[in-house]
């Protein structure tokens, strides 16, 4: 709820600029980009849960050019660090759309080398340091 309120406050301060995600825990976002990859993601939040579970929020950007160039995608996910599975809690091209999205709570296996795999592995490493 606090993040939604903060997102609305931030949105009201700019000129038609969509609200950015604000961590409720004070997590400091960082950018991850693999060499030679057009996809960059920002880890916006990591929250340790019980056992091997971690919740995390990412902002994924694809550089201009190509079939999906210039794309932005926000995703809120829960991951299992032991089994390397994740479920999407919300997704969209803006924070507001991500927070409204409520897909089925289905666990998905990771594809080796994908940005989703990199995001979960990174979230697990960060969560381990937070415990």
N, C-alpha and C. Protein backbone atom coordinates (compact mmCIF):
# COMPACT_ATOMS: atom_id res chain seq x y z
N UNK A 1 0.82 -1.18 0.00
CA UNK A 1 0.00 0.00 0.00
C UNK A 1 0.87 1.24 0.00
N UNK A 2 1.91 1.27 0.86
CA UNK A 2 2.79 2.42 0.93
C UNK A 2 3.44 2.70 -0.42
N UNK A 3 3.87 1.63 -1.14
CA UNK A 3 4.51 1.81 -2.44
C UNK A 3 3.55 2.43 -3.43
N UNK A 4 2.29 2.03 -3.37
CA UNK A 4 1.29 2.59 -4.27
C UNK A 4 1.10 4.07 -4.00
N UNK A 5 1.02 4.45 -2.72
CA UNK A 5 0.87 5.85 -2.35
C UNK A 5 2.08 6.64 -2.82
N UNK A 6 3.29 6.11 -2.57
CA UNK A 6 4.51 6.80 -3.00
C UNK A 6 4.56 6.92 -4.51
N UNK A 7 4.12 5.89 -5.23
CA UNK A 7 4.11 5.94 -6.69
C UNK A 7 3.19 7.05 -7.17
N UNK A 8 2.05 7.22 -6.52
CA UNK A 8 1.12 8.28 -6.90
C UNK A 8 1.70 9.65 -6.59
N UNK A 9 2.40 9.78 -5.47
CA UNK A 9 3.03 11.05 -5.12
C UNK A 9 4.09 11.40 -6.15
N UNK A 10 4.95 10.43 -6.48
CA UNK A 10 5.99 10.67 -7.47
C UNK A 10 5.38 11.03 -8.82
N UNK A 11 4.29 10.36 -9.18
CA UNK A 11 3.64 10.63 -10.47
C UNK A 11 3.10 12.05 -10.51
N UNK A 12 2.61 12.54 -9.40
CA UNK A 12 2.04 13.88 -9.38
C UNK A 12 3.08 14.98 -9.47
N UNK A 13 4.36 14.65 -9.27
CA UNK A 13 5.42 15.65 -9.28
C UNK A 13 6.00 15.90 -10.66
N UNK A 14 5.78 15.01 -11.60
CA UNK A 14 6.39 15.15 -12.92
C UNK A 14 5.38 15.53 -13.98
N UNK A 15 5.89 15.71 -15.18
CA UNK A 15 5.02 16.05 -16.30
C UNK A 15 4.70 14.78 -17.07
N UNK A 16 3.54 14.19 -16.80
CA UNK A 16 3.08 12.99 -17.50
C UNK A 16 4.10 11.86 -17.47
N UNK A 17 4.98 11.85 -16.53
CA UNK A 17 5.96 10.78 -16.39
C UNK A 17 5.37 9.70 -15.50
N UNK A 18 5.39 8.42 -15.98
CA UNK A 18 4.84 7.35 -15.14
C UNK A 18 5.60 7.23 -13.83
N UNK A 19 4.89 6.79 -12.80
CA UNK A 19 5.50 6.62 -11.47
C UNK A 19 6.52 5.50 -11.50
N UNK A 20 7.58 5.68 -10.75
CA UNK A 20 8.58 4.64 -10.58
C UNK A 20 8.25 3.85 -9.32
N UNK A 21 8.75 2.65 -9.24
CA UNK A 21 8.54 1.80 -8.07
C UNK A 21 9.41 2.31 -6.93
N UNK A 22 8.85 2.32 -5.71
CA UNK A 22 9.59 2.72 -4.52
C UNK A 22 9.53 1.56 -3.53
N UNK A 23 10.71 1.09 -3.12
CA UNK A 23 10.80 -0.02 -2.18
C UNK A 23 10.24 0.36 -0.82
N UNK A 24 9.46 -0.53 -0.22
CA UNK A 24 8.93 -0.31 1.13
C UNK A 24 10.00 -0.57 2.19
N UNK A 25 11.07 -1.27 1.81
CA UNK A 25 12.11 -1.64 2.78
C UNK A 25 13.35 -0.75 2.69
N UNK A 26 13.36 0.19 1.76
CA UNK A 26 14.53 1.04 1.59
C UNK A 26 15.62 0.39 0.75
N UNK A 27 15.28 -0.68 0.03
CA UNK A 27 16.24 -1.37 -0.83
C UNK A 27 16.80 -0.38 -1.85
N UNK A 28 18.11 -0.43 -2.06
CA UNK A 28 18.77 0.45 -3.03
C UNK A 28 18.84 -0.26 -4.38
N UNK A 29 18.10 0.22 -5.39
CA UNK A 29 18.08 -0.43 -6.70
C UNK A 29 19.47 -0.45 -7.35
N UNK A 30 19.70 -1.45 -8.19
CA UNK A 30 20.93 -1.49 -8.96
C UNK A 30 20.64 -2.06 -10.34
N UNK A 31 21.50 -1.72 -11.30
CA UNK A 31 21.32 -2.13 -12.69
C UNK A 31 22.20 -3.33 -13.00
N UNK A 32 21.65 -4.27 -13.74
CA UNK A 32 22.40 -5.44 -14.19
C UNK A 32 22.31 -5.49 -15.71
N UNK A 33 23.45 -5.59 -16.36
CA UNK A 33 23.48 -5.73 -17.81
C UNK A 33 24.59 -6.70 -18.18
N UNK A 34 24.22 -7.70 -18.96
CA UNK A 34 25.23 -8.66 -19.43
C UNK A 34 25.92 -8.09 -20.66
N UNK A 35 27.21 -8.32 -20.75
CA UNK A 35 28.00 -7.83 -21.88
C UNK A 35 27.43 -8.37 -23.19
N UNK A 36 27.24 -7.49 -24.15
CA UNK A 36 26.74 -7.89 -25.47
C UNK A 36 25.24 -8.12 -25.52
N UNK A 37 24.54 -7.98 -24.41
CA UNK A 37 23.10 -8.22 -24.36
C UNK A 37 22.36 -6.90 -24.50
N UNK A 38 21.29 -6.87 -25.28
CA UNK A 38 20.49 -5.66 -25.44
C UNK A 38 19.56 -5.45 -24.26
N UNK A 39 19.41 -6.46 -23.41
CA UNK A 39 18.46 -6.38 -22.31
C UNK A 39 19.18 -5.95 -21.03
N UNK A 40 18.63 -4.93 -20.40
CA UNK A 40 19.14 -4.46 -19.12
C UNK A 40 17.99 -4.54 -18.13
N UNK A 41 18.27 -4.98 -16.91
CA UNK A 41 17.21 -4.92 -15.92
C UNK A 41 17.72 -4.22 -14.67
N UNK A 42 16.80 -3.57 -13.99
CA UNK A 42 17.09 -2.93 -12.73
C UNK A 42 16.40 -3.71 -11.64
N UNK A 43 17.15 -4.15 -10.64
CA UNK A 43 16.58 -4.83 -9.49
C UNK A 43 16.07 -3.72 -8.58
N UNK A 44 14.73 -3.59 -8.48
CA UNK A 44 14.12 -2.50 -7.72
C UNK A 44 13.85 -2.85 -6.27
N UNK A 45 13.69 -4.14 -5.98
CA UNK A 45 13.42 -4.54 -4.60
C UNK A 45 13.70 -6.03 -4.44
N UNK A 46 14.18 -6.41 -3.26
CA UNK A 46 14.38 -7.81 -2.89
C UNK A 46 13.90 -7.94 -1.45
N UNK A 47 12.99 -8.89 -1.22
CA UNK A 47 12.43 -9.10 0.12
C UNK A 47 12.53 -10.58 0.44
N UNK A 48 13.32 -10.92 1.47
CA UNK A 48 13.45 -12.31 1.90
C UNK A 48 12.14 -12.78 2.53
N UNK A 49 11.74 -14.00 2.20
CA UNK A 49 10.58 -14.63 2.82
C UNK A 49 11.06 -15.88 3.55
N UNK A 50 10.15 -16.64 4.11
CA UNK A 50 10.50 -17.85 4.84
C UNK A 50 11.19 -18.86 3.94
N UNK A 51 12.15 -19.57 4.53
CA UNK A 51 12.85 -20.63 3.81
C UNK A 51 13.59 -20.10 2.60
N UNK A 52 13.47 -20.80 1.48
CA UNK A 52 14.22 -20.42 0.28
C UNK A 52 13.50 -19.40 -0.60
N UNK A 53 12.39 -18.84 -0.12
CA UNK A 53 11.59 -17.95 -0.95
C UNK A 53 12.06 -16.50 -0.86
N UNK A 54 11.95 -15.81 -1.98
CA UNK A 54 12.31 -14.40 -2.07
C UNK A 54 11.32 -13.72 -3.02
N UNK A 55 10.91 -12.51 -2.66
CA UNK A 55 10.10 -11.68 -3.57
C UNK A 55 11.02 -10.63 -4.15
N UNK A 56 10.82 -10.30 -5.41
CA UNK A 56 11.66 -9.28 -6.03
C UNK A 56 10.89 -8.56 -7.13
N UNK A 57 11.30 -7.31 -7.36
CA UNK A 57 10.68 -6.47 -8.37
C UNK A 57 11.78 -6.02 -9.32
N UNK A 58 11.53 -6.17 -10.63
CA UNK A 58 12.50 -5.76 -11.63
C UNK A 58 11.87 -4.83 -12.66
N UNK A 59 12.72 -4.04 -13.25
CA UNK A 59 12.34 -3.22 -14.41
C UNK A 59 13.27 -3.65 -15.52
N UNK A 60 12.70 -4.20 -16.57
CA UNK A 60 13.49 -4.70 -17.67
C UNK A 60 13.35 -3.76 -18.86
N UNK A 61 14.47 -3.42 -19.46
CA UNK A 61 14.45 -2.53 -20.61
C UNK A 61 15.20 -3.19 -21.76
N UNK A 62 14.62 -3.07 -22.96
CA UNK A 62 15.26 -3.57 -24.17
C UNK A 62 15.66 -2.35 -24.98
N UNK A 63 16.91 -2.29 -25.38
CA UNK A 63 17.42 -1.15 -26.14
C UNK A 63 16.67 -1.01 -27.46
N UNK A 64 16.55 0.22 -27.96
CA UNK A 64 15.89 0.44 -29.26
C UNK A 64 16.54 -0.38 -30.37
N UNK A 65 15.74 -0.72 -31.37
CA UNK A 65 16.21 -1.54 -32.48
C UNK A 65 15.71 -2.96 -32.32
N UNK A 66 15.54 -3.64 -33.41
CA UNK A 66 15.04 -5.01 -33.35
C UNK A 66 13.53 -5.03 -33.24
N UNK A 67 12.95 -6.24 -33.18
CA UNK A 67 11.49 -6.37 -33.20
C UNK A 67 10.77 -5.82 -31.97
N UNK A 68 11.41 -5.80 -30.80
CA UNK A 68 10.75 -5.28 -29.60
C UNK A 68 11.56 -4.15 -28.98
N UNK A 69 12.30 -3.44 -29.78
CA UNK A 69 13.18 -2.37 -29.30
C UNK A 69 12.44 -1.31 -28.51
N UNK A 70 13.09 -0.84 -27.46
CA UNK A 70 12.53 0.23 -26.64
C UNK A 70 11.51 -0.22 -25.62
N UNK A 71 11.33 -1.51 -25.43
CA UNK A 71 10.33 -2.04 -24.52
C UNK A 71 10.75 -1.87 -23.06
N UNK A 72 9.78 -1.59 -22.18
CA UNK A 72 9.98 -1.54 -20.74
C UNK A 72 8.97 -2.46 -20.10
N UNK A 73 9.41 -3.26 -19.12
CA UNK A 73 8.51 -4.18 -18.44
C UNK A 73 8.85 -4.24 -16.95
N UNK A 74 7.84 -3.99 -16.11
CA UNK A 74 7.99 -4.13 -14.66
C UNK A 74 7.41 -5.48 -14.27
N UNK A 75 8.09 -6.17 -13.36
CA UNK A 75 7.58 -7.47 -12.91
C UNK A 75 7.83 -7.64 -11.41
N UNK A 76 6.81 -8.13 -10.73
CA UNK A 76 6.90 -8.50 -9.33
C UNK A 76 6.81 -10.02 -9.30
N UNK A 77 7.82 -10.65 -8.71
CA UNK A 77 7.87 -12.12 -8.73
C UNK A 77 8.25 -12.67 -7.36
N UNK A 78 7.90 -13.93 -7.16
CA UNK A 78 8.33 -14.70 -5.99
C UNK A 78 9.15 -15.86 -6.55
N UNK A 79 10.32 -16.08 -5.97
CA UNK A 79 11.18 -17.15 -6.46
C UNK A 79 11.54 -18.13 -5.37
N UNK A 80 11.79 -19.36 -5.77
CA UNK A 80 12.28 -20.41 -4.88
C UNK A 80 13.75 -20.60 -5.21
N UNK A 81 14.61 -20.16 -4.31
CA UNK A 81 16.06 -20.18 -4.55
C UNK A 81 16.63 -21.59 -4.60
N UNK A 82 15.98 -22.57 -3.98
CA UNK A 82 16.49 -23.95 -3.99
C UNK A 82 16.08 -24.68 -5.27
N UNK A 83 14.84 -24.51 -5.67
CA UNK A 83 14.35 -25.23 -6.85
C UNK A 83 14.48 -24.44 -8.14
N UNK A 84 14.88 -23.15 -8.04
CA UNK A 84 14.99 -22.25 -9.18
C UNK A 84 13.72 -22.22 -10.02
N UNK A 85 12.61 -21.92 -9.32
CA UNK A 85 11.31 -21.71 -9.93
C UNK A 85 10.85 -20.32 -9.54
N UNK A 86 9.94 -19.74 -10.32
CA UNK A 86 9.37 -18.46 -9.93
C UNK A 86 7.90 -18.39 -10.32
N UNK A 87 7.20 -17.48 -9.67
CA UNK A 87 5.82 -17.18 -10.05
C UNK A 87 5.70 -15.66 -10.19
N UNK A 88 4.97 -15.25 -11.19
CA UNK A 88 4.77 -13.82 -11.43
C UNK A 88 3.58 -13.35 -10.61
N UNK A 89 3.81 -12.33 -9.79
CA UNK A 89 2.76 -11.75 -8.96
C UNK A 89 2.07 -10.59 -9.66
N UNK A 90 2.78 -9.93 -10.57
CA UNK A 90 2.24 -8.82 -11.34
C UNK A 90 3.24 -8.41 -12.40
N UNK A 91 2.71 -7.91 -13.53
CA UNK A 91 3.59 -7.54 -14.63
C UNK A 91 2.90 -6.48 -15.48
N UNK A 92 3.68 -5.54 -16.03
CA UNK A 92 3.11 -4.52 -16.90
C UNK A 92 4.17 -3.54 -17.37
N UNK A 93 3.79 -2.69 -18.32
CA UNK A 93 4.75 -1.72 -18.85
C UNK A 93 4.85 -0.46 -17.98
N UNK A 94 4.06 -0.40 -16.90
CA UNK A 94 4.17 0.67 -15.91
C UNK A 94 4.04 0.03 -14.52
N UNK A 95 4.45 0.77 -13.50
CA UNK A 95 4.31 0.28 -12.13
C UNK A 95 2.83 0.06 -11.80
N UNK A 96 1.99 0.99 -12.20
CA UNK A 96 0.55 0.88 -11.92
C UNK A 96 -0.05 -0.38 -12.54
N UNK A 97 0.32 -0.69 -13.78
CA UNK A 97 -0.19 -1.91 -14.42
C UNK A 97 0.34 -3.16 -13.73
N UNK A 98 1.61 -3.12 -13.31
CA UNK A 98 2.18 -4.26 -12.60
C UNK A 98 1.42 -4.51 -11.30
N UNK A 99 1.12 -3.45 -10.56
CA UNK A 99 0.45 -3.60 -9.27
C UNK A 99 -1.01 -4.05 -9.42
N UNK A 100 -1.64 -3.76 -10.56
CA UNK A 100 -3.02 -4.20 -10.80
C UNK A 100 -3.10 -5.62 -11.32
N UNK A 101 -2.06 -6.08 -12.02
CA UNK A 101 -2.05 -7.40 -12.63
C UNK A 101 -2.09 -8.49 -11.56
N UNK A 102 -2.93 -9.47 -11.73
CA UNK A 102 -3.04 -10.58 -10.78
C UNK A 102 -3.14 -11.90 -11.56
N UNK A 103 -2.01 -12.35 -12.11
CA UNK A 103 -2.04 -13.62 -12.86
C UNK A 103 -2.22 -14.81 -11.92
N UNK A 104 -2.44 -15.97 -12.51
CA UNK A 104 -2.54 -17.19 -11.70
C UNK A 104 -1.20 -17.42 -11.00
N UNK A 105 -1.26 -17.99 -9.81
CA UNK A 105 -0.03 -18.24 -9.04
C UNK A 105 0.62 -19.54 -9.47
N UNK A 106 1.03 -19.59 -10.70
CA UNK A 106 1.63 -20.78 -11.28
C UNK A 106 3.16 -20.68 -11.18
N UNK A 107 3.81 -21.76 -10.74
CA UNK A 107 5.27 -21.79 -10.68
C UNK A 107 5.82 -22.17 -12.04
N UNK A 108 6.88 -21.47 -12.47
CA UNK A 108 7.46 -21.64 -13.80
C UNK A 108 8.93 -22.03 -13.65
N UNK A 109 9.37 -22.98 -14.48
CA UNK A 109 10.79 -23.34 -14.51
C UNK A 109 11.55 -22.30 -15.31
N UNK A 110 12.76 -22.02 -14.90
CA UNK A 110 13.60 -21.05 -15.59
C UNK A 110 14.22 -21.63 -16.85
N UNK A 111 14.47 -20.76 -17.81
CA UNK A 111 15.17 -21.13 -19.03
C UNK A 111 16.62 -20.70 -18.86
N UNK A 112 17.55 -21.64 -18.98
CA UNK A 112 18.96 -21.34 -18.78
C UNK A 112 19.42 -20.20 -19.70
N UNK A 113 20.07 -19.20 -19.12
CA UNK A 113 20.59 -18.07 -19.89
C UNK A 113 19.62 -16.92 -20.09
N UNK A 114 18.39 -17.08 -19.60
CA UNK A 114 17.40 -16.02 -19.78
C UNK A 114 17.59 -14.89 -18.76
N UNK A 115 16.99 -13.74 -19.04
CA UNK A 115 17.07 -12.63 -18.09
C UNK A 115 16.28 -12.96 -16.82
N UNK A 116 15.23 -13.79 -16.93
CA UNK A 116 14.47 -14.21 -15.75
C UNK A 116 15.34 -15.05 -14.82
N UNK A 117 16.19 -15.88 -15.40
CA UNK A 117 17.12 -16.68 -14.61
C UNK A 117 18.11 -15.78 -13.90
N UNK A 118 18.68 -14.83 -14.63
CA UNK A 118 19.65 -13.90 -14.05
C UNK A 118 19.02 -13.10 -12.91
N UNK A 119 17.76 -12.67 -13.09
CA UNK A 119 17.09 -11.88 -12.06
C UNK A 119 16.86 -12.71 -10.80
N UNK A 120 16.39 -13.97 -10.95
CA UNK A 120 16.15 -14.80 -9.77
C UNK A 120 17.45 -15.13 -9.05
N UNK A 121 18.48 -15.49 -9.78
CA UNK A 121 19.77 -15.82 -9.16
C UNK A 121 20.30 -14.59 -8.41
N UNK A 122 20.19 -13.42 -9.01
CA UNK A 122 20.64 -12.18 -8.36
C UNK A 122 19.82 -11.92 -7.11
N UNK A 123 18.50 -12.06 -7.20
CA UNK A 123 17.62 -11.83 -6.04
C UNK A 123 17.97 -12.80 -4.91
N UNK A 124 18.27 -14.06 -5.24
CA UNK A 124 18.64 -15.04 -4.22
C UNK A 124 19.95 -14.67 -3.54
N UNK A 125 20.91 -14.19 -4.33
CA UNK A 125 22.20 -13.78 -3.76
C UNK A 125 22.01 -12.59 -2.81
N UNK A 126 21.20 -11.61 -3.22
CA UNK A 126 20.95 -10.43 -2.40
C UNK A 126 20.20 -10.83 -1.13
N UNK A 127 19.18 -11.69 -1.28
CA UNK A 127 18.39 -12.12 -0.12
C UNK A 127 19.25 -12.84 0.91
N UNK A 128 20.20 -13.62 0.44
CA UNK A 128 21.09 -14.34 1.35
C UNK A 128 21.91 -13.36 2.19
N UNK A 129 22.32 -12.25 1.59
CA UNK A 129 23.08 -11.22 2.30
C UNK A 129 22.19 -10.46 3.29
N UNK A 130 20.88 -10.36 2.99
CA UNK A 130 19.95 -9.62 3.84
C UNK A 130 19.60 -10.39 5.10
N UNK A 131 19.71 -11.72 5.08
CA UNK A 131 19.31 -12.56 6.22
C UNK A 131 20.31 -12.47 7.34
